[in-house]
N, C-alpha and C. Protein backbone atom coordinates (compact mmCIF):
# COMPACT_ATOMS: atom_id res chain seq x y z
N UNK A 1 112.06 18.41 14.92
CA UNK A 1 110.94 18.72 14.14
C UNK A 1 111.19 20.29 14.11
N UNK A 2 110.38 20.57 12.92
CA UNK A 2 110.21 22.20 12.79
C UNK A 2 109.09 22.25 12.37
N UNK A 3 108.63 23.81 11.81
CA UNK A 3 107.24 24.11 11.36
C UNK A 3 107.54 24.00 9.91
N UNK A 4 106.50 23.81 9.24
CA UNK A 4 106.39 23.83 7.96
C UNK A 4 106.75 25.12 7.12
N UNK A 5 107.30 25.12 6.17
CA UNK A 5 108.13 26.34 5.54
C UNK A 5 107.07 27.05 5.16
N UNK A 6 105.74 26.80 5.10
CA UNK A 6 104.94 27.71 4.40
C UNK A 6 104.54 28.73 5.54
N UNK A 7 104.62 29.89 5.09
CA UNK A 7 104.37 31.04 6.18
C UNK A 7 102.92 31.16 7.06
N UNK A 8 102.72 30.90 8.18
CA UNK A 8 101.73 30.79 8.73
C UNK A 8 101.36 29.45 9.28
N UNK A 9 101.91 28.59 8.38
CA UNK A 9 101.59 27.16 8.73
C UNK A 9 101.81 26.65 10.16
N UNK A 10 101.29 25.94 10.81
CA UNK A 10 101.92 25.58 12.35
C UNK A 10 101.87 24.06 12.30
N UNK A 11 101.93 23.40 11.11
CA UNK A 11 102.29 21.88 11.14
C UNK A 11 103.75 21.65 11.02
N UNK A 12 103.80 20.67 12.25
CA UNK A 12 105.34 20.27 12.81
C UNK A 12 105.66 19.26 11.49
N UNK A 13 106.93 19.44 10.98
CA UNK A 13 107.74 18.40 9.88
C UNK A 13 108.84 18.28 10.20
N UNK A 14 109.57 17.06 9.88
CA UNK A 14 110.81 16.84 9.95
C UNK A 14 111.55 17.66 9.16
N UNK A 15 111.30 18.21 7.95
CA UNK A 15 111.80 19.08 7.18
C UNK A 15 110.89 19.74 5.81
N UNK A 16 111.37 20.58 5.31
CA UNK A 16 110.66 21.30 4.31
C UNK A 16 108.97 21.68 4.79
N UNK A 17 108.22 20.96 4.05
CA UNK A 17 106.55 21.56 4.30
C UNK A 17 105.91 20.42 4.50
N UNK A 18 104.42 20.67 5.14
CA UNK A 18 103.70 19.97 5.60
C UNK A 18 103.11 19.11 3.98
N UNK A 19 102.21 18.28 4.17
CA UNK A 19 101.74 17.52 2.80
C UNK A 19 100.82 18.43 1.89
N UNK A 20 100.28 19.29 2.88
CA UNK A 20 99.29 20.51 2.20
C UNK A 20 100.21 21.51 1.62
N UNK A 21 101.50 21.69 1.93
CA UNK A 21 102.17 22.91 1.06
C UNK A 21 103.47 22.19 0.39
N UNK A 22 103.06 20.83 -0.32
CA UNK A 22 104.35 20.50 -1.11
C UNK A 22 104.89 21.34 -2.37
N UNK A 23 106.13 21.19 -2.51
CA UNK A 23 106.06 21.93 -3.67
C UNK A 23 105.13 21.64 -5.09
N UNK A 24 104.68 20.69 -5.12
CA UNK A 24 103.64 20.11 -6.05
C UNK A 24 102.51 21.23 -6.03
N UNK A 25 101.88 21.39 -4.52
CA UNK A 25 100.90 21.96 -4.30
C UNK A 25 101.19 23.38 -4.53
N UNK A 26 102.37 24.15 -4.13
CA UNK A 26 102.78 25.30 -4.05
C UNK A 26 102.79 26.01 -5.14
N UNK A 27 102.73 25.25 -6.66
CA UNK A 27 102.58 25.93 -7.83
C UNK A 27 103.67 25.49 -8.64
N UNK A 28 104.46 24.24 -8.56
CA UNK A 28 105.62 23.97 -9.31
C UNK A 28 106.68 24.91 -9.60
N UNK A 29 106.69 25.21 -11.33
CA UNK A 29 107.48 26.13 -11.95
C UNK A 29 107.13 27.51 -11.31
N UNK A 30 105.94 27.94 -11.22
CA UNK A 30 105.71 29.44 -10.50
C UNK A 30 106.49 29.35 -9.04
N UNK A 31 106.43 28.28 -8.46
CA UNK A 31 106.93 28.69 -7.15
C UNK A 31 108.65 28.75 -7.34
N UNK A 32 109.34 27.53 -8.29
CA UNK A 32 110.28 27.72 -8.67
C UNK A 32 111.35 28.99 -9.13
N UNK A 33 110.29 29.80 -10.15
CA UNK A 33 110.57 31.19 -10.56
C UNK A 33 110.62 31.81 -9.37
N UNK A 34 109.90 32.02 -8.34
CA UNK A 34 109.44 33.22 -7.16
C UNK A 34 110.87 32.45 -6.26
N UNK A 35 111.12 31.51 -6.45
CA UNK A 35 112.10 30.96 -5.28
C UNK A 35 113.64 31.56 -6.00
N UNK A 36 113.54 31.44 -7.11
CA UNK A 36 114.82 32.07 -7.84
C UNK A 36 115.12 33.34 -7.58
N UNK A 37 114.19 34.38 -7.83
CA UNK A 37 114.34 35.50 -7.44
C UNK A 37 114.66 35.89 -6.14
N UNK A 38 114.00 35.11 -4.96
CA UNK A 38 114.09 35.45 -3.76
C UNK A 38 115.43 35.10 -3.36
N UNK A 39 116.24 34.14 -4.01
CA UNK A 39 117.67 33.46 -3.67
C UNK A 39 118.65 34.18 -4.34
N UNK A 40 118.43 35.11 -5.15
CA UNK A 40 119.38 35.55 -6.24
C UNK A 40 120.42 36.80 -5.22
N UNK A 41 121.33 36.68 -5.91
CA UNK A 41 122.47 37.91 -5.42
C UNK A 41 121.77 39.05 -5.07
N UNK A 42 121.30 39.69 -6.41
CA UNK A 42 120.77 40.70 -6.18
C UNK A 42 119.76 41.07 -5.21
N UNK A 43 118.45 39.91 -4.96
CA UNK A 43 117.54 40.55 -4.01
C UNK A 43 118.17 40.25 -2.77
N UNK A 44 119.44 39.15 -2.48
CA UNK A 44 119.77 39.12 -1.07
C UNK A 44 120.45 40.58 -0.78
N UNK A 45 121.40 41.05 -1.50
CA UNK A 45 121.90 42.83 -1.33
C UNK A 45 121.02 43.54 -1.14
N UNK A 46 119.70 43.35 -1.95
CA UNK A 46 118.96 44.50 -1.51
C UNK A 46 118.28 44.09 -0.27
N UNK A 47 117.91 43.17 0.21
CA UNK A 47 117.33 43.08 1.42
C UNK A 47 118.34 43.38 2.58
N UNK A 48 119.68 42.99 2.58
CA UNK A 48 120.53 43.41 3.52
C UNK A 48 120.42 45.08 3.39
N UNK A 49 120.70 45.46 2.48
CA UNK A 49 120.77 47.25 2.50
C UNK A 49 119.28 47.55 3.15
N UNK A 50 118.40 47.23 2.69
CA UNK A 50 116.80 47.70 3.39
C UNK A 50 116.99 47.15 4.89
N UNK A 51 117.29 46.19 5.56
CA UNK A 51 117.39 46.20 6.80
C UNK A 51 118.28 46.85 7.76
N UNK A 52 119.57 46.98 6.74
CA UNK A 52 120.65 47.99 7.38
C UNK A 52 120.15 49.43 7.67
N UNK A 53 119.25 49.98 6.46
CA UNK A 53 118.63 51.22 6.71
C UNK A 53 117.46 51.34 7.56
N UNK A 54 116.75 50.31 7.59
CA UNK A 54 115.34 50.41 8.37
C UNK A 54 115.37 49.05 9.17
N UNK A 55 115.81 48.91 10.23
CA UNK A 55 115.87 47.46 10.86
C UNK A 55 114.68 47.25 11.48
N UNK A 56 113.63 48.52 12.20
CA UNK A 56 112.56 48.02 12.68
C UNK A 56 111.41 47.98 12.08
N UNK A 57 110.09 47.17 12.38
CA UNK A 57 109.21 47.18 11.53
C UNK A 57 108.40 48.35 11.42
N UNK A 58 108.16 48.64 10.42
CA UNK A 58 107.23 49.96 9.93
C UNK A 58 105.87 50.08 10.67
N UNK A 59 105.13 48.84 10.35
CA UNK A 59 103.96 48.68 11.18
C UNK A 59 103.87 48.98 12.78
N UNK A 60 104.81 48.27 13.30
CA UNK A 60 105.22 48.44 14.79
C UNK A 60 105.68 49.85 15.18
N UNK A 61 106.35 50.71 14.49
CA UNK A 61 106.93 51.72 14.74
C UNK A 61 105.82 52.76 14.52
N UNK A 62 104.72 52.76 13.97
CA UNK A 62 103.56 53.26 13.72
C UNK A 62 102.69 52.88 14.97
N UNK A 63 102.84 52.04 15.50
CA UNK A 63 102.17 51.98 16.52
C UNK A 63 102.70 52.23 17.85
N UNK A 64 104.13 52.69 17.69
CA UNK A 64 104.97 53.48 18.88
C UNK A 64 105.94 52.30 19.35
N UNK A 65 106.01 51.06 18.82
CA UNK A 65 107.05 50.28 19.18
C UNK A 65 108.10 50.24 18.27
N UNK A 66 109.34 49.62 19.01
CA UNK A 66 110.77 49.54 18.08
C UNK A 66 110.93 48.15 18.25
N UNK A 67 110.48 47.37 17.26
CA UNK A 67 110.66 46.11 17.20
C UNK A 67 111.51 45.62 15.76
N UNK A 68 112.73 44.83 16.33
CA UNK A 68 113.63 44.67 15.25
C UNK A 68 112.75 43.63 14.22
N UNK A 69 113.26 43.78 12.79
CA UNK A 69 112.46 43.02 12.03
C UNK A 69 113.54 41.88 11.25
N UNK A 70 113.03 40.85 10.97
CA UNK A 70 113.96 40.01 10.12
C UNK A 70 113.51 39.53 8.81
N UNK A 71 112.22 40.39 8.28
CA UNK A 71 111.53 40.22 6.96
C UNK A 71 111.41 41.53 6.85
N UNK A 72 111.45 41.83 4.96
CA UNK A 72 110.99 42.93 4.45
C UNK A 72 109.86 42.66 3.42
N UNK A 73 109.45 43.76 3.01
CA UNK A 73 108.20 43.52 2.23
C UNK A 73 108.28 44.43 1.07
N UNK A 74 107.67 44.28 -0.10
CA UNK A 74 107.80 45.12 -1.17
C UNK A 74 106.85 46.09 -0.76
N UNK A 75 107.45 47.71 -1.17
CA UNK A 75 106.66 48.95 -0.94
C UNK A 75 105.82 48.89 -2.27
N UNK A 76 106.47 48.76 -3.22
CA UNK A 76 105.96 48.63 -4.79
C UNK A 76 105.77 47.20 -5.31
N UNK A 77 104.52 46.61 -5.60
CA UNK A 77 104.40 45.20 -5.76
C UNK A 77 105.12 44.97 -7.10
N UNK A 78 105.74 43.83 -7.13
CA UNK A 78 106.52 43.36 -8.61
C UNK A 78 106.12 42.57 -9.40
N UNK A 79 105.10 41.87 -9.18
CA UNK A 79 104.43 40.82 -9.65
C UNK A 79 105.29 39.98 -10.46
N UNK A 80 106.32 39.90 -9.92
CA UNK A 80 107.32 38.71 -10.64
C UNK A 80 108.38 39.00 -11.44
N UNK A 81 108.24 40.61 -11.25
CA UNK A 81 109.42 40.86 -12.40
C UNK A 81 110.58 41.56 -11.45
N UNK A 82 111.70 40.81 -11.87
CA UNK A 82 113.17 41.01 -11.13
C UNK A 82 113.28 42.33 -11.31
N UNK A 83 113.16 43.20 -12.52
CA UNK A 83 113.37 44.35 -12.87
C UNK A 83 113.07 45.39 -11.81
N UNK A 84 111.85 45.22 -11.17
CA UNK A 84 111.76 46.17 -10.46
C UNK A 84 112.43 46.10 -8.86
N UNK A 85 113.09 45.01 -8.69
CA UNK A 85 113.81 44.96 -7.48
C UNK A 85 114.25 46.24 -7.29
């Protein structure tokens, strides 16, 4: 068992998403487009570069704590436009 693939959802599932967060309810084609962006070689390289250059959580650093991060976030909102990656 694992948690639902939706960030913040605490429902246990055997795999994937819970019924409330299935692909159909996640937006279908819109989800597929975003998924393609975040699994592209370009994004994965950028993610690795950012984590290498800045391995600690920015918010935690502002609070005086050094916590390694596994997630990165956009400094500039891209609105689905891969050109701004």
